[in-house]
Amino acid sequence: MAIILAWFLPQGTEILPLKSITDVGIGLIFFFYGLKLSPAEFKLGLLNYKVHLIVQLTTFVIFPILGLLFIPFFEAGKSSDIWVALFFFTTLPSTVSSSIVMVSLAKGNLPTAIFNASLSGLIGIFATPIWLSFFLSKSANFEFLDVLIKLGWQIVLPLTLGLIFQKFLGDFARRHSRKLGYLDKGTIILIVYSSFSTSFTSGIFTTVDLGDLMKMFLCVFLLFFIVYFGLGFTCNLLGLKTEDKITVQFCGTKKSLVHGSVMVKVIFGNSANTGLLLLPIMLFHSLQLLLIAYFAEKYRKRNIATEV
């Protein structure tokens, strides 16, 4: 809906101070994220080190490496805007809420899922710009030190304040987690709208080759299935319990639209290609929800008694 509105009414970015609104929204998202982190649940999932290693290595090492393997698919190689968008998506952290919900539905290891999803969000603040710095450091739109400073002000500081005030406001934030989720969704919608408005106004999509766009869609689909079934094979090889396998597959395949939207604004600002950069993560976000929901239902119906 936000993309359609941006197509027909891109002037909205000039009417409202969307940059200031989204900047405040980003700060509040991570402030409440810090408030909602439950120390008890975090500690409960801490000791399952095999699962943690697999999930975090997949999220921040395997995914980006697979993204690098797709460079030959694009005629312009690393200079292709489509490939940059695809690679940006592969460097993002896992989701929090949907990972936990799906693991719970499938009767997986919930404490471990909570730990991994939370840890992934924290690691991603630094891992994503580090990966991007190898390929975009020479770009006028990317200066690593500047990006770290922006991340510090807009993400790390609010997150730290949330952790500090958790003692006083943590229970309140967790009780009203669903209502606070509207802030996340509202901020994402505004970021998507402003990003695509800028892209449509600048005509960036008219310069994109349709063949490359189709390749991007294919790569996104391939990535999900390669990672999902690859993680399943790895878990079977290591002899992990079904509950842990569920957590690995569900947390290890996820990529966060919230972090993707935030990172686009913080790292790339209002550059013309921000809408294009959001395309792979928006596509993957929809794909992962549909497919993981299907696999979660299959796991839920398994005969748990035979596994004991």
C-alpha atoms as a PDB file:
ATOM      1  CA  MET A   1       0.000   0.000   0.000  1.00  0.00           C
ATOM      2  CA  ALA A   2       2.828   2.376   0.897  1.00  0.00           C
ATOM      3  CA  ILE A   3       4.525   1.637  -2.444  1.00  0.00           C
ATOM      4  CA  ILE A   4       1.305   2.336  -4.394  1.00  0.00           C
ATOM      5  CA  LEU A   5       0.815   5.607  -2.497  1.00  0.00           C
ATOM      6  CA  ALA A   6       4.432   6.577  -3.218  1.00  0.00           C
ATOM      7  CA  TRP A   7       3.819   5.951  -6.931  1.00  0.00           C
ATOM      8  CA  PHE A   8       0.713   8.151  -7.108  1.00  0.00           C
ATOM      9  CA  LEU A   9       1.620  10.742  -4.465  1.00  0.00           C
ATOM     10  CA  PRO A  10       5.412  11.080  -4.096  1.00  0.00           C
ATOM     11  CA  GLN A  11       4.979  14.755  -3.170  1.00  0.00           C
ATOM     12  CA  GLY A  12       3.997  13.682   0.344  1.00  0.00           C
ATOM     13  CA  THR A  13       7.672  13.710   1.245  1.00  0.00           C
ATOM     14  CA  GLU A  14       7.661  17.468   0.696  1.00  0.00           C
ATOM     15  CA  ILE A  15       4.480  18.124   2.690  1.00  0.00           C
ATOM     16  CA  LEU A  16       5.480  16.309   5.892  1.00  0.00           C
ATOM     17  CA  PRO A  17       8.891  16.295   7.662  1.00  0.00           C
ATOM     18  CA  LEU A  18       9.182  12.531   7.118  1.00  0.00           C
ATOM     19  CA  LYS A  19      12.916  12.407   7.815  1.00  0.00           C
ATOM     20  CA  SER A  20      12.457  13.872  11.295  1.00  0.00           C
ATOM     21  CA  ILE A  21       9.422  11.666  11.974  1.00  0.00           C
ATOM     22  CA  THR A  22      11.201   8.464  10.908  1.00  0.00           C
ATOM     23  CA  ASP A  23      14.352   9.432  12.839  1.00  0.00           C
ATOM     24  CA  VAL A  24      12.280   9.735  16.019  1.00  0.00           C
ATOM     25  CA  GLY A  25      10.446   6.499  15.174  1.00  0.00           C
ATOM     26  CA  ILE A  26      13.732   4.620  14.711  1.00  0.00           C
ATOM     27  CA  GLY A  27      14.993   5.836  18.084  1.00  0.00           C
ATOM     28  CA  LEU A  28      11.766   4.774  19.816  1.00  0.00           C
ATOM     29  CA  ILE A  29      11.790   1.331  18.150  1.00  0.00           C
ATOM     30  CA  PHE A  30      15.191   0.513  19.626  1.00  0.00           C
ATOM     31  CA  PHE A  31      14.426   2.168  22.973  1.00  0.00           C
ATOM     32  CA  PHE A  32      11.412  -0.127  23.391  1.00  0.00           C
ATOM     33  CA  TYR A  33      13.431  -3.049  22.010  1.00  0.00           C
ATOM     34  CA  GLY A  34      15.869  -2.527  24.887  1.00  0.00           C
ATOM     35  CA  LEU A  35      12.988  -2.306  27.370  1.00  0.00           C
ATOM     36  CA  LYS A  36      11.385  -5.529  26.132  1.00  0.00           C
ATOM     37  CA  LEU A  37      14.536  -7.682  26.271  1.00  0.00           C
ATOM     38  CA  SER A  38      13.806 -10.112  29.080  1.00  0.00           C
ATOM     39  CA  PRO A  39      17.001 -10.898  31.058  1.00  0.00           C
ATOM     40  CA  ALA A  40      15.459 -14.102  32.476  1.00  0.00           C
ATOM     41  CA  GLU A  41      14.524 -15.507  29.056  1.00  0.00           C
ATOM     42  CA  PHE A  42      17.852 -14.347  27.626  1.00  0.00           C
ATOM     43  CA  LYS A  43      19.793 -16.251  30.304  1.00  0.00           C
ATOM     44  CA  LEU A  44      17.608 -19.348  29.901  1.00  0.00           C
ATOM     45  CA  GLY A  45      18.654 -19.774  26.269  1.00  0.00           C
ATOM     46  CA  LEU A  46      22.306 -18.870  26.818  1.00  0.00           C
ATOM     47  CA  LEU A  47      23.849 -22.325  27.211  1.00  0.00           C
ATOM     48  CA  ASN A  48      22.724 -23.941  23.934  1.00  0.00           C
ATOM     49  CA  TYR A  49      25.970 -22.943  22.217  1.00  0.00           C
ATOM     50  CA  LYS A  50      25.720 -25.288  19.203  1.00  0.00           C
ATOM     51  CA  VAL A  51      22.434 -23.731  18.102  1.00  0.00           C
ATOM     52  CA  HIS A  52      23.751 -20.205  18.691  1.00  0.00           C
ATOM     53  CA  LEU A  53      26.843 -20.807  16.582  1.00  0.00           C
ATOM     54  CA  ILE A  54      24.879 -22.313  13.695  1.00  0.00           C
ATOM     55  CA  VAL A  55      22.240 -19.560  13.654  1.00  0.00           C
ATOM     56  CA  GLN A  56      24.619 -16.610  13.966  1.00  0.00           C
ATOM     57  CA  LEU A  57      27.164 -17.998  11.481  1.00  0.00           C
ATOM     58  CA  THR A  58      24.358 -18.632   8.995  1.00  0.00           C
ATOM     59  CA  THR A  59      22.877 -15.156   9.465  1.00  0.00           C
ATOM     60  CA  PHE A  60      26.095 -13.159   9.260  1.00  0.00           C
ATOM     61  CA  VAL A  61      28.544 -15.376   7.332  1.00  0.00           C
ATOM     62  CA  ILE A  62      26.781 -17.984   5.179  1.00  0.00           C
ATOM     63  CA  PHE A  63      24.032 -15.678   3.916  1.00  0.00           C
ATOM     64  CA  PRO A  64      26.466 -12.915   2.764  1.00  0.00           C
ATOM     65  CA  ILE A  65      28.803 -15.481   1.176  1.00  0.00           C
ATOM     66  CA  LEU A  66      25.860 -16.902  -0.779  1.00  0.00           C
ATOM     67  CA  GLY A  67      25.069 -13.325  -1.807  1.00  0.00           C
ATOM     68  CA  LEU A  68      28.606 -12.952  -3.152  1.00  0.00           C
ATOM     69  CA  LEU A  69      28.155 -16.094  -5.262  1.00  0.00           C
ATOM     70  CA  PHE A  70      25.375 -14.327  -7.174  1.00  0.00           C
ATOM     71  CA  ILE A  71      27.715 -11.598  -8.509  1.00  0.00           C
ATOM     72  CA  PRO A  72      28.240 -13.403 -11.881  1.00  0.00           C
ATOM     73  CA  PHE A  73      24.452 -13.440 -12.378  1.00  0.00           C
ATOM     74  CA  PHE A  74      24.527  -9.696 -13.041  1.00  0.00           C
ATOM     75  CA  GLU A  75      26.269  -8.162 -16.039  1.00  0.00           C
ATOM     76  CA  ALA A  76      27.500  -5.141 -14.041  1.00  0.00           C
ATOM     77  CA  GLY A  77      28.768  -7.405 -11.241  1.00  0.00           C
ATOM     78  CA  LYS A  78      29.397  -5.612  -7.971  1.00  0.00           C
ATOM     79  CA  SER A  79      28.441  -2.329  -9.625  1.00  0.00           C
ATOM     80  CA  SER A  80      24.885  -3.541 -10.213  1.00  0.00           C
ATOM     81  CA  ASP A  81      22.345  -1.700  -8.047  1.00  0.00           C
ATOM     82  CA  ILE A  82      20.232  -4.861  -7.986  1.00  0.00           C
ATOM     83  CA  TRP A  83      23.133  -6.967  -6.691  1.00  0.00           C
ATOM     84  CA  VAL A  84      23.964  -4.337  -4.041  1.00  0.00           C
ATOM     85  CA  ALA A  85      20.314  -4.472  -2.883  1.00  0.00           C
ATOM     86  CA  LEU A  86      20.483  -8.273  -2.804  1.00  0.00           C
ATOM     87  CA  PHE A  87      23.765  -8.297  -0.878  1.00  0.00           C
ATOM     88  CA  PHE A  88      22.482  -5.680   1.582  1.00  0.00           C
ATOM     89  CA  PHE A  89      19.554  -7.966   2.402  1.00  0.00           C
ATOM     90  CA  THR A  90      21.862 -10.974   2.993  1.00  0.00           C
ATOM     91  CA  THR A  91      23.821  -9.030   5.652  1.00  0.00           C
ATOM     92  CA  LEU A  92      20.777  -8.159   7.777  1.00  0.00           C
ATOM     93  CA  PRO A  93      20.024  -9.761  11.173  1.00  0.00           C
ATOM     94  CA  SER A  94      17.211 -12.188  11.915  1.00  0.00           C
ATOM     95  CA  THR A  95      13.727 -11.134  12.999  1.00  0.00           C
ATOM     96  CA  VAL A  96      12.650 -11.198  16.637  1.00  0.00           C
ATOM     97  CA  SER A  97       8.871 -11.414  16.950  1.00  0.00           C
ATOM     98  CA  SER A  98       8.057 -13.659  13.968  1.00  0.00           C
ATOM     99  CA  SER A  99      10.925 -16.052  14.769  1.00  0.00           C
ATOM    100  CA  ILE A 100       9.654 -16.488  18.325  1.00  0.00           C
ATOM    101  CA  VAL A 101       6.013 -16.863  17.254  1.00  0.00           C
ATOM    102  CA  MET A 102       6.813 -19.493  14.606  1.00  0.00           C
ATOM    103  CA  VAL A 103       9.150 -21.495  16.879  1.00  0.00           C
ATOM    104  CA  SER A 104       6.440 -21.473  19.556  1.00  0.00           C
ATOM    105  CA  LEU A 105       3.817 -22.646  17.033  1.00  0.00           C
ATOM    106  CA  ALA A 106       6.075 -25.497  15.872  1.00  0.00           C
ATOM    107  CA  LYS A 107       6.854 -26.521  19.482  1.00  0.00           C
ATOM    108  CA  GLY A 108      10.544 -25.770  19.121  1.00  0.00           C
ATOM    109  CA  ASN A 109      13.099 -24.603  21.702  1.00  0.00           C
ATOM    110  CA  LEU A 110      11.556 -21.242  22.616  1.00  0.00           C
ATOM    111  CA  PRO A 111      14.162 -19.914  25.132  1.00  0.00           C
ATOM    112  CA  THR A 112      16.938 -20.583  22.604  1.00  0.00           C
ATOM    113  CA  ALA A 113      14.903 -18.854  19.882  1.00  0.00           C
ATOM    114  CA  ILE A 114      14.407 -15.782  22.079  1.00  0.00           C
ATOM    115  CA  PHE A 115      18.132 -15.644  22.830  1.00  0.00           C
ATOM    116  CA  ASN A 116      19.176 -16.023  19.177  1.00  0.00           C
ATOM    117  CA  ALA A 117      16.660 -13.554  17.782  1.00  0.00           C
ATOM    118  CA  SER A 118      17.666 -10.943  20.363  1.00  0.00           C
ATOM    119  CA  LEU A 119      21.398 -11.584  19.919  1.00  0.00           C
ATOM    120  CA  SER A 120      21.072 -11.366  16.135  1.00  0.00           C
ATOM    121  CA  GLY A 121      19.564  -7.884  16.354  1.00  0.00           C
ATOM    122  CA  LEU A 122      22.455  -6.686  18.516  1.00  0.00           C
ATOM    123  CA  ILE A 123      25.170  -8.215  16.301  1.00  0.00           C
ATOM    124  CA  GLY A 124      23.528  -6.838  13.155  1.00  0.00           C
ATOM    125  CA  ILE A 125      24.038  -3.242  14.272  1.00  0.00           C
ATOM    126  CA  PHE A 126      27.739  -3.755  13.583  1.00  0.00           C
ATOM    127  CA  ALA A 127      27.894  -6.751  11.210  1.00  0.00           C
ATOM    128  CA  THR A 128      25.741  -5.214   8.455  1.00  0.00           C
ATOM    129  CA  PRO A 129      27.808  -2.019   7.987  1.00  0.00           C
ATOM    130  CA  ILE A 130      31.049  -4.001   8.278  1.00  0.00           C
ATOM    131  CA  TRP A 131      30.014  -6.270   5.381  1.00  0.00           C
ATOM    132  CA  LEU A 132      28.833  -3.280   3.321  1.00  0.00           C
ATOM    133  CA  SER A 133      32.100  -1.425   3.941  1.00  0.00           C
ATOM    134  CA  PHE A 134      33.990  -3.999   1.828  1.00  0.00           C
ATOM    135  CA  PHE A 135      31.952  -3.104  -1.256  1.00  0.00           C
ATOM    136  CA  LEU A 136      30.585   0.399  -0.745  1.00  0.00           C
ATOM    137  CA  SER A 137      33.418   2.224   1.021  1.00  0.00           C
ATOM    138  CA  LYS A 138      34.419   4.037  -2.164  1.00  0.00           C
ATOM    139  CA  SER A 139      30.869   5.175  -2.782  1.00  0.00           C
ATOM    140  CA  ALA A 140      29.889   8.744  -1.980  1.00  0.00           C
ATOM    141  CA  ASN A 141      26.902   7.295  -0.155  1.00  0.00           C
ATOM    142  CA  PHE A 142      28.922   5.178   2.274  1.00  0.00           C
ATOM    143  CA  GLU A 143      31.561   6.304   4.752  1.00  0.00           C
ATOM    144  CA  PHE A 144      32.142   3.627   7.385  1.00  0.00           C
ATOM    145  CA  LEU A 145      33.007   5.955  10.273  1.00  0.00           C
ATOM    146  CA  ASP A 146      30.043   8.218   9.522  1.00  0.00           C
ATOM    147  CA  VAL A 147      27.750   5.201   9.402  1.00  0.00           C
ATOM    148  CA  LEU A 148      28.988   3.952  12.792  1.00  0.00           C
ATOM    149  CA  ILE A 149      28.381   7.391  14.316  1.00  0.00           C
ATOM    150  CA  LYS A 150      24.844   7.488  12.880  1.00  0.00           C
ATOM    151  CA  LEU A 151      24.175   3.969  14.153  1.00  0.00           C
ATOM    152  CA  GLY A 152      25.467   5.015  17.555  1.00  0.00           C
ATOM    153  CA  TRP A 153      23.098   7.973  17.803  1.00  0.00           C
ATOM    154  CA  GLN A 154      20.021   6.436  16.213  1.00  0.00           C
ATOM    155  CA  ILE A 155      20.232   2.818  17.370  1.00  0.00           C
ATOM    156  CA  VAL A 156      22.877   2.034  20.006  1.00  0.00           C
ATOM    157  CA  LEU A 157      22.080   5.010  22.286  1.00  0.00           C
ATOM    158  CA  PRO A 158      18.279   4.425  22.386  1.00  0.00           C
ATOM    159  CA  LEU A 159      18.872   0.673  22.832  1.00  0.00           C
ATOM    160  CA  THR A 160      21.273   1.317  25.725  1.00  0.00           C
ATOM    161  CA  LEU A 161      18.793   3.711  27.367  1.00  0.00           C
ATOM    162  CA  GLY A 162      16.110   1.043  27.009  1.00  0.00           C
ATOM    163  CA  LEU A 163      18.319  -1.505  28.762  1.00  0.00           C
ATOM    164  CA  ILE A 164      19.100   0.997  31.534  1.00  0.00           C
ATOM    165  CA  PHE A 165      15.419   1.821  32.145  1.00  0.00           C
ATOM    166  CA  GLN A 166      14.318  -1.807  31.807  1.00  0.00           C
ATOM    167  CA  LYS A 167      14.306  -2.195  35.580  1.00  0.00           C
ATOM    168  CA  PHE A 168      11.603   0.472  35.853  1.00  0.00           C
ATOM    169  CA  LEU A 169       9.684   0.135  32.573  1.00  0.00           C
ATOM    170  CA  GLY A 170      10.497  -3.365  31.315  1.00  0.00           C
ATOM    171  CA  ASP A 171       7.362  -5.058  32.645  1.00  0.00           C
ATOM    172  CA  PHE A 172       5.194  -2.258  31.254  1.00  0.00           C
ATOM    173  CA  ALA A 173       6.810  -2.580  27.799  1.00  0.00           C
ATOM    174  CA  ARG A 174       6.392  -6.368  27.733  1.00  0.00           C
ATOM    175  CA  ARG A 175       2.743  -6.141  28.831  1.00  0.00           C
ATOM    176  CA  HIS A 176       2.012  -3.655  26.047  1.00  0.00           C
ATOM    177  CA  SER A 177       4.279  -5.286  23.467  1.00  0.00           C
ATOM    178  CA  ARG A 178       1.456  -5.711  20.969  1.00  0.00           C
ATOM    179  CA  LYS A 179       0.462  -2.037  21.113  1.00  0.00           C
ATOM    180  CA  LEU A 180       4.076  -0.925  20.860  1.00  0.00           C
ATOM    181  CA  GLY A 181       4.328  -3.091  17.738  1.00  0.00           C
ATOM    182  CA  TYR A 182       2.160  -0.518  15.959  1.00  0.00           C
ATOM    183  CA  LEU A 183       5.044   1.934  16.321  1.00  0.00           C
ATOM    184  CA  ASP A 184       7.367  -0.493  14.486  1.00  0.00           C
ATOM    185  CA  LYS A 185       4.842  -1.028  11.705  1.00  0.00           C
ATOM    186  CA  GLY A 186       4.012   2.666  11.390  1.00  0.00           C
ATOM    187  CA  THR A 187       7.676   3.658  11.181  1.00  0.00           C
ATOM    188  CA  ILE A 188       8.396   0.961   8.581  1.00  0.00           C
ATOM    189  CA  ILE A 189       5.441   2.097   6.455  1.00  0.00           C
ATOM    190  CA  LEU A 190       6.723   5.696   6.535  1.00  0.00           C
ATOM    191  CA  ILE A 191      10.267   4.581   5.644  1.00  0.00           C
ATOM    192  CA  VAL A 192       8.991   2.443   2.764  1.00  0.00           C
ATOM    193  CA  TYR A 193       6.805   5.304   1.534  1.00  0.00           C
ATOM    194  CA  SER A 194       9.565   7.940   1.695  1.00  0.00           C
ATOM    195  CA  SER A 195      12.161   5.577   0.164  1.00  0.00           C
ATOM    196  CA  PHE A 196       9.992   4.622  -2.799  1.00  0.00           C
ATOM    197  CA  SER A 197       8.816   8.230  -3.234  1.00  0.00           C
ATOM    198  CA  THR A 198      12.427   9.327  -3.635  1.00  0.00           C
ATOM    199  CA  SER A 199      13.161   6.433  -6.008  1.00  0.00           C
ATOM    200  CA  PHE A 200      10.081   7.054  -8.167  1.00  0.00           C
ATOM    201  CA  THR A 201      10.740  10.801  -8.303  1.00  0.00           C
ATOM    202  CA  SER A 202      14.363  10.281  -9.339  1.00  0.00           C
ATOM    203  CA  GLY A 203      13.398   7.691 -11.966  1.00  0.00           C
ATOM    204  CA  ILE A 204      15.781   5.067 -10.579  1.00  0.00           C
ATOM    205  CA  PHE A 205      13.460   2.193 -11.567  1.00  0.00           C
ATOM    206  CA  THR A 206      13.483   3.285 -15.208  1.00  0.00           C
ATOM    207  CA  THR A 207      17.232   2.558 -15.288  1.00  0.00           C
ATOM    208  CA  VAL A 208      16.852  -0.971 -13.906  1.00  0.00           C
ATOM    209  CA  ASP A 209      17.071  -3.833 -16.374  1.00  0.00           C
ATOM    210  CA  LEU A 210      13.965  -6.059 -16.185  1.00  0.00           C
ATOM    211  CA  GLY A 211      16.141  -9.148 -16.617  1.00  0.00           C
ATOM    212  CA  ASP A 212      18.227  -8.181 -13.570  1.00  0.00           C
ATOM    213  CA  LEU A 213      15.049  -7.583 -11.591  1.00  0.00           C
ATOM    214  CA  MET A 214      13.801 -11.084 -12.415  1.00  0.00           C
ATOM    215  CA  LYS A 215      17.202 -12.512 -11.452  1.00  0.00           C
ATOM    216  CA  MET A 216      16.897 -10.765  -8.095  1.00  0.00           C
ATOM    217  CA  PHE A 217      13.512 -12.382  -7.467  1.00  0.00           C
ATOM    218  CA  LEU A 218      14.958 -15.794  -8.382  1.00  0.00           C
ATOM    219  CA  CYS A 219      17.982 -15.289  -6.112  1.00  0.00           C
ATOM    220  CA  VAL A 220      15.743 -14.399  -3.148  1.00  0.00           C
ATOM    221  CA  PHE A 221      13.717 -17.598  -3.613  1.00  0.00           C
ATOM    222  CA  LEU A 222      16.854 -19.717  -4.032  1.00  0.00           C
ATOM    223  CA  LEU A 223      18.444 -18.248  -0.905  1.00  0.00           C
ATOM    224  CA  PHE A 224      15.536 -19.231   1.295  1.00  0.00           C
ATOM    225  CA  PHE A 225      15.420 -22.857   0.171  1.00  0.00           C
ATOM    226  CA  ILE A 226      19.210 -23.309   0.103  1.00  0.00           C
ATOM    227  CA  VAL A 227      19.545 -22.005   3.664  1.00  0.00           C
ATOM    228  CA  TYR A 228      16.427 -23.734   5.070  1.00  0.00           C
ATOM    229  CA  PHE A 229      17.242 -27.217   3.783  1.00  0.00           C
ATOM    230  CA  GLY A 230      20.982 -26.705   4.303  1.00  0.00           C
ATOM    231  CA  LEU A 231      20.335 -25.966   7.984  1.00  0.00           C
ATOM    232  CA  GLY A 232      18.096 -29.032   8.230  1.00  0.00           C
ATOM    233  CA  PHE A 233      20.867 -31.215   6.805  1.00  0.00           C
ATOM    234  CA  THR A 234      23.428 -29.684   9.209  1.00  0.00           C
ATOM    235  CA  CYS A 235      21.178 -30.297  12.225  1.00  0.00           C
ATOM    236  CA  ASN A 236      20.654 -33.935  11.214  1.00  0.00           C
ATOM    237  CA  LEU A 237      24.398 -34.334  10.729  1.00  0.00           C
ATOM    238  CA  LEU A 238      25.091 -32.973  14.230  1.00  0.00           C
ATOM    239  CA  GLY A 239      22.299 -35.055  15.752  1.00  0.00           C
ATOM    240  CA  LEU A 240      20.407 -32.086  17.192  1.00  0.00           C
ATOM    241  CA  LYS A 241      17.015 -32.654  18.806  1.00  0.00           C
ATOM    242  CA  THR A 242      13.957 -31.766  16.738  1.00  0.00           C
ATOM    243  CA  GLU A 243      13.197 -28.777  19.019  1.00  0.00           C
ATOM    244  CA  ASP A 244      16.672 -27.366  18.377  1.00  0.00           C
ATOM    245  CA  LYS A 245      16.434 -28.124  14.654  1.00  0.00           C
ATOM    246  CA  ILE A 246      13.214 -26.095  14.476  1.00  0.00           C
ATOM    247  CA  THR A 247      14.893 -23.151  16.200  1.00  0.00           C
ATOM    248  CA  VAL A 248      17.906 -23.330  13.892  1.00  0.00           C
ATOM    249  CA  GLN A 249      15.824 -23.489  10.701  1.00  0.00           C
ATOM    250  CA  PHE A 250      13.328 -20.825  11.738  1.00  0.00           C
ATOM    251  CA  CYS A 251      15.803 -18.310  13.213  1.00  0.00           C
ATOM    252  CA  GLY A 252      18.590 -19.018  10.717  1.00  0.00           C
ATOM    253  CA  THR A 253      16.475 -18.361   7.627  1.00  0.00           C
ATOM    254  CA  LYS A 254      14.871 -15.115   8.798  1.00  0.00           C
ATOM    255  CA  LYS A 255      15.865 -11.580   7.787  1.00  0.00           C
ATOM    256  CA  SER A 256      14.444  -8.533   9.552  1.00  0.00           C
ATOM    257  CA  LEU A 257      12.373  -6.005   7.617  1.00  0.00           C
ATOM    258  CA  VAL A 258      12.520  -3.681  10.643  1.00  0.00           C
ATOM    259  CA  HIS A 259      16.331  -3.659  10.674  1.00  0.00           C
ATOM    260  CA  GLY A 260      16.438  -3.483   6.880  1.00  0.00           C
ATOM    261  CA  SER A 261      14.204  -0.404   6.805  1.00  0.00           C
ATOM    262  CA  VAL A 262      16.162   1.246   9.594  1.00  0.00           C
ATOM    263  CA  MET A 263      19.555   0.449   8.068  1.00  0.00           C
ATOM    264  CA  VAL A 264      18.475   1.851   4.690  1.00  0.00           C
ATOM    265  CA  LYS A 265      17.607   5.190   6.312  1.00  0.00           C
ATOM    266  CA  VAL A 266      20.682   5.330   8.550  1.00  0.00           C
ATOM    267  CA  ILE A 267      23.269   4.108   6.019  1.00  0.00           C
ATOM    268  CA  PHE A 268      21.921   5.435   2.721  1.00  0.00           C
ATOM    269  CA  GLY A 269      19.833   8.402   3.900  1.00  0.00           C
ATOM    270  CA  ASN A 270      17.615   9.847   1.184  1.00  0.00           C
ATOM    271  CA  SER A 271      19.596   8.585  -1.798  1.00  0.00           C
ATOM    272  CA  ALA A 272      17.663   7.800  -4.961  1.00  0.00           C
ATOM    273  CA  ASN A 273      18.042   4.010  -4.780  1.00  0.00           C
ATOM    274  CA  THR A 274      16.680   3.436  -1.239  1.00  0.00           C
ATOM    275  CA  GLY A 275      13.419   2.058  -2.631  1.00  0.00           C
ATOM    276  CA  LEU A 276      15.353  -0.388  -4.781  1.00  0.00           C
ATOM    277  CA  LEU A 277      17.451  -1.431  -1.776  1.00  0.00           C
ATOM    278  CA  LEU A 278      14.306  -2.396   0.137  1.00  0.00           C
ATOM    279  CA  LEU A 279      12.890  -4.638  -2.618  1.00  0.00           C
ATOM    280  CA  PRO A 280      14.756  -7.899  -1.781  1.00  0.00           C
ATOM    281  CA  ILE A 281      14.079  -7.739   1.965  1.00  0.00           C
ATOM    282  CA  MET A 282      10.397  -6.892   1.390  1.00  0.00           C
ATOM    283  CA  LEU A 283      10.055  -9.847  -0.967  1.00  0.00           C
ATOM    284  CA  PHE A 284      11.968 -12.178   1.354  1.00  0.00           C
ATOM    285  CA  HIS A 285       9.960 -11.000   4.367  1.00  0.00           C
ATOM    286  CA  SER A 286       6.684 -12.047   2.717  1.00  0.00           C
ATOM    287  CA  LEU A 287       8.200 -15.296   1.451  1.00  0.00           C
ATOM    288  CA  GLN A 288       9.646 -16.304   4.825  1.00  0.00           C
ATOM    289  CA  LEU A 289       6.366 -15.677   6.652  1.00  0.00           C
ATOM    290  CA  LEU A 290       4.364 -17.819   4.220  1.00  0.00           C
ATOM    291  CA  LEU A 291       6.821 -20.700   4.000  1.00  0.00           C
ATOM    292  CA  ILE A 292       7.840 -20.793   7.668  1.00  0.00           C
ATOM    293  CA  ALA A 293       4.152 -20.755   8.656  1.00  0.00           C
ATOM    294  CA  TYR A 294       3.659 -23.813   6.421  1.00  0.00           C
ATOM    295  CA  PHE A 295       6.687 -25.651   7.874  1.00  0.00           C
ATOM    296  CA  ALA A 296       5.691 -24.645  11.428  1.00  0.00           C
ATOM    297  CA  GLU A 297       2.266 -26.240  10.968  1.00  0.00           C
ATOM    298  CA  LYS A 298       3.907 -29.453   9.702  1.00  0.00           C
ATOM    299  CA  TYR A 299       6.213 -29.546  12.728  1.00  0.00           C
ATOM    300  CA  ARG A 300       3.300 -28.795  15.074  1.00  0.00           C
ATOM    301  CA  LYS A 301       1.420 -31.869  13.877  1.00  0.00           C
ATOM    302  CA  ARG A 302       4.359 -34.227  14.455  1.00  0.00           C
ATOM    303  CA  ASN A 303       4.072 -37.000  17.040  1.00  0.00           C
ATOM    304  CA  ILE A 304       6.201 -35.614  19.872  1.00  0.00           C
ATOM    305  CA  ALA A 305       5.764 -38.776  21.955  1.00  0.00           C
ATOM    306  CA  THR A 306       7.792 -40.830  19.461  1.00  0.00           C
ATOM    307  CA  GLU A 307      10.727 -38.400  19.750  1.00  0.00           C
ATOM    308  CA  VAL A 308      11.140 -38.823  23.499  1.00  0.00           C
END
